[in-house]
Protein backbone atom coordinates (compact mmCIF):
# COMPACT_ATOMS: atom_id res chain seq x y z
CA MET A 1 89.52 78.75 89.88
CA SER A 2 91.22 77.80 86.05
CA HIS A 3 91.87 80.47 83.75
CA SER A 4 92.93 78.22 80.97
CA SER A 5 89.81 77.60 79.56
CA PRO A 6 88.98 79.11 76.32
CA VAL A 7 86.86 82.53 76.41
CA THR A 8 83.94 82.09 74.16
CA THR A 9 81.64 85.06 74.96
CA PHE A 10 82.58 88.53 74.61
CA LEU A 11 81.62 91.05 77.37
CA THR A 12 81.38 94.56 76.89
CA LYS A 13 83.33 96.92 79.59
CA GLU A 14 79.79 97.81 81.00
CA GLU A 15 78.53 94.06 81.16
CA MET A 16 82.03 93.28 82.70
CA LYS A 17 81.83 96.40 85.24
CA THR A 18 78.30 94.62 86.17
CA HIS A 19 79.63 91.41 87.21
CA ILE A 20 82.80 92.88 89.07
CA LEU A 21 80.36 95.12 91.10
CA GLN A 22 78.09 92.15 91.93
CA ALA A 23 81.03 90.08 92.95
CA LYS A 24 82.57 92.78 95.15
CA LEU A 25 79.14 93.20 96.76
CA ALA A 26 78.89 89.41 97.28
CA LYS A 27 82.48 89.37 98.58
CA ASN A 28 81.76 92.55 100.95
CA ALA A 29 85.14 93.58 99.44
CA THR A 30 86.56 96.90 99.74
CA TRP A 31 88.54 98.70 96.41
CA ALA A 32 91.35 98.74 98.72
CA GLN A 33 91.35 94.78 98.91
CA ILE A 34 90.83 94.15 95.49
CA ALA A 35 93.71 96.90 94.61
CA GLU A 36 95.94 94.78 97.04
CA ALA A 37 94.89 91.52 95.51
CA ALA A 38 95.96 92.84 91.90
CA GLY A 39 99.22 94.68 93.30
CA LEU A 40 98.31 98.17 91.81
CA SER A 41 97.17 101.31 93.36
CA GLU A 42 93.61 101.74 94.68
CA VAL A 43 92.55 104.44 92.02
CA PHE A 44 94.13 102.60 89.11
CA THR A 45 92.57 99.47 90.01
CA THR A 46 88.83 100.84 90.69
CA SER A 47 89.21 102.62 87.31
CA ALA A 48 89.78 99.38 85.20
CA CYS A 49 87.19 97.54 87.42
CA LEU A 50 84.64 100.10 86.14
CA GLY A 51 86.02 99.93 82.44
CA GLU A 52 88.23 102.97 82.32
CA ASN A 53 91.57 101.22 82.13
CA ALA A 54 92.63 97.83 81.47
CA LEU A 55 94.84 95.28 83.43
CA GLY A 56 97.44 93.15 82.39
CA ALA A 57 97.02 89.63 82.21
CA GLU A 58 98.52 88.75 86.03
CA GLU A 59 96.95 91.68 87.65
CA ALA A 60 93.45 90.54 86.18
CA ALA A 61 94.07 87.16 87.04
CA ARG A 62 94.67 88.16 90.42
CA VAL A 63 91.66 90.31 90.68
CA GLY A 64 89.76 87.36 89.05
CA GLN A 65 90.91 84.66 91.73
CA PHE A 66 90.23 87.27 94.41
CA LEU A 67 86.83 87.84 93.49
CA ALA A 68 85.92 84.66 92.13
CA LEU A 69 85.18 86.03 88.24
CA PRO A 70 84.47 83.81 85.60
CA PRO A 71 87.42 83.92 82.61
CA VAL A 72 85.43 85.93 80.47
CA VAL A 73 85.53 88.95 83.10
CA VAL A 74 89.20 88.31 83.46
CA GLU A 75 89.43 88.67 79.78
CA ALA A 76 87.36 92.03 79.54
CA LEU A 77 89.46 93.24 82.25
CA THR A 78 92.76 92.91 80.04
CA ARG A 79 91.25 94.68 77.22
CA PHE A 80 91.80 98.33 76.18
CA ALA A 81 89.06 101.08 77.08
CA ASN A 82 87.82 103.71 75.09
CA LYS A 83 88.21 106.14 78.04
CA GLY A 84 85.40 108.56 79.17
CA GLU A 85 82.70 106.73 76.75
CA ALA A 86 80.76 105.88 79.19
CA ALA A 87 80.71 109.35 80.95
CA PRO A 88 77.44 111.59 79.89
CA THR A 89 78.33 114.93 78.29
CA ILE A 90 76.70 116.79 81.67
CA PRO A 91 77.18 114.25 84.48
CA LYS A 92 73.74 113.72 86.57
CA GLU A 93 75.43 111.99 89.19
CA PRO A 94 75.77 114.74 92.09
CA LEU A 95 79.82 113.91 92.82
CA GLN A 96 80.50 113.92 88.89
CA TYR A 97 78.63 116.83 88.57
CA ARG A 98 80.78 118.50 91.13
CA PHE A 99 83.71 117.68 89.33
CA GLN A 100 82.65 119.14 86.16
CA GLU A 101 81.88 122.22 87.90
CA ILE A 102 85.31 122.57 89.76
CA LEU A 103 86.69 122.52 85.90
CA TYR A 104 83.97 125.25 84.86
CA VAL A 105 84.80 127.51 87.78
CA TYR A 106 88.65 126.79 88.37
CA GLY A 107 89.61 125.45 84.72
CA GLU A 108 91.21 128.22 83.61
CA THR A 109 92.76 128.90 86.84
CA LEU A 110 94.42 125.81 86.74
CA LYS A 111 95.41 126.30 82.86
CA GLU A 112 96.92 129.99 83.99
CA LEU A 113 98.78 128.95 86.94
CA ILE A 114 100.34 125.68 85.20
CA GLU A 115 101.60 127.43 81.99
CA GLU A 116 102.76 130.11 84.30
CA LYS A 117 104.74 127.54 86.25
CA PHE A 118 105.74 125.10 83.51
CA GLY A 119 105.15 127.18 80.08
CA PRO A 120 102.77 126.21 77.54
CA GLY A 121 101.54 122.91 77.65
CA ILE A 122 99.45 120.23 79.23
CA MET A 123 99.27 117.89 82.64
CA SER A 124 99.31 114.47 81.39
CA ALA A 125 96.58 112.10 82.26
CA ILE A 126 98.70 109.15 80.90
CA ASP A 127 101.74 109.49 82.87
CA PHE A 128 99.46 110.26 85.95
CA THR A 129 98.69 109.03 89.36
CA MET A 130 95.96 109.73 91.63
CA ASP A 131 95.29 109.38 95.21
CA VAL A 132 91.87 109.79 97.24
CA ALA A 133 92.10 110.30 101.26
CA ARG A 134 90.13 111.20 104.23
CA GLN A 135 91.22 114.07 106.37
CA PRO A 136 89.28 114.28 109.85
CA ASP A 137 88.22 117.68 110.40
CA PRO A 138 85.86 119.11 113.48
CA LYS A 139 84.07 121.04 110.99
CA GLY A 140 83.20 117.70 108.59
CA ASP A 141 85.64 115.30 107.27
CA ARG A 142 87.64 116.66 103.90
CA VAL A 143 88.23 114.96 100.93
CA VAL A 144 91.59 114.87 99.67
CA ILE A 145 92.45 114.45 96.05
CA THR A 146 96.30 114.57 95.13
CA MET A 147 96.61 114.24 91.17
CA ASN A 148 99.97 113.85 90.16
CA GLY A 149 100.51 114.29 86.09
CA LYS A 150 103.83 114.73 84.00
CA PHE A 151 103.85 118.22 82.49
CA LEU A 152 103.87 117.74 78.68
CA GLY A 153 105.09 120.95 77.11
CA TYR A 154 103.71 121.97 73.51
CA LYS A 155 106.21 121.46 70.87
CA LYS A 156 107.00 124.28 68.27
CA TRP A 157 107.58 123.22 64.48
């Protein structure tokens, strides 16, 4: 597959996502396999493929080669995203809604505990990693999500 031909069409991130999901389905690939091809983490690669992050040219080319994507899709993978733009105010998708519910119920608790341990500030979503794992449990398997963000203290001036 050649990536040297000029890109003459512009795809939105949503159109890019549709192409990638179709290619993923056609290849019967997993996000882990796509991430391995990209040389990046599963969470970050998936996020970029869904339009919430951007890949560098080399990583996008590797994903494009793995999924046999046209150059216009590969180019779209490299463009910066407007993060959260596709997210509805109140998610209707049950898993996304549950995460919103977690923030409603535990958001203030998380803020209090982080500030008690670190001082006033926030956890970065820029200098950030996340991992999703399955933990076997006799009462039903557990979802383990590990978020690791740099602490950013508020400055005084």
